[in-house]
């Protein structure tokens, strides 16, 4: 489903979810490593 992308696209609400932030951060780091690997 697209519900996962809605969580990423919406701005941070009053409730701070550390798990969601950690997931998005790990995904960002993974893409960074992938891009760095491709550049090498």
Protein backbone atom coordinates (compact mmCIF):
# COMPACT_ATOMS: atom_id res chain seq x y z
CA UNK A 1 0.00 0.00 0.00
CA UNK A 2 0.88 3.67 -0.18
CA UNK A 3 0.28 4.31 3.53
CA UNK A 4 4.01 4.02 4.22
CA UNK A 5 4.85 6.82 1.79
CA UNK A 6 2.18 9.05 3.36
CA UNK A 7 4.06 8.77 6.65
CA UNK A 8 7.27 9.90 4.99
CA UNK A 9 5.76 12.72 2.93
CA UNK A 10 3.69 14.31 5.70
CA UNK A 11 5.39 16.86 7.99
CA UNK A 12 6.27 15.85 11.56
CA UNK A 13 3.21 16.07 13.78
CA UNK A 14 3.07 16.89 17.50
CA UNK A 15 3.85 13.24 18.27
CA UNK A 16 7.53 12.51 17.67
CA UNK A 17 8.03 8.92 16.54
CA UNK A 18 11.71 7.94 17.02
CA UNK A 19 11.18 4.61 15.25
CA UNK A 20 9.89 6.30 12.10
CA UNK A 21 12.78 8.79 12.20
CA UNK A 22 15.28 5.97 12.66
CA UNK A 23 13.78 4.06 9.74
CA UNK A 24 13.90 7.07 7.40
CA UNK A 25 17.41 7.93 8.59
CA UNK A 26 18.69 4.40 7.96
CA UNK A 27 17.09 4.47 4.51
CA UNK A 28 18.83 7.80 3.80
CA UNK A 29 22.19 6.42 4.94
CA UNK A 30 21.67 3.30 2.84
CA UNK A 31 21.03 5.40 -0.27
CA UNK A 32 24.09 7.52 0.53
CA UNK A 33 26.27 4.41 0.79
CA UNK A 34 24.81 3.05 -2.44
CA UNK A 35 25.50 6.33 -4.25
CA UNK A 36 29.03 6.46 -2.82
CA UNK A 37 29.65 2.87 -3.93
CA UNK A 38 28.42 3.63 -7.45
CA UNK A 39 30.64 6.71 -7.68
CA UNK A 40 33.67 4.62 -6.76
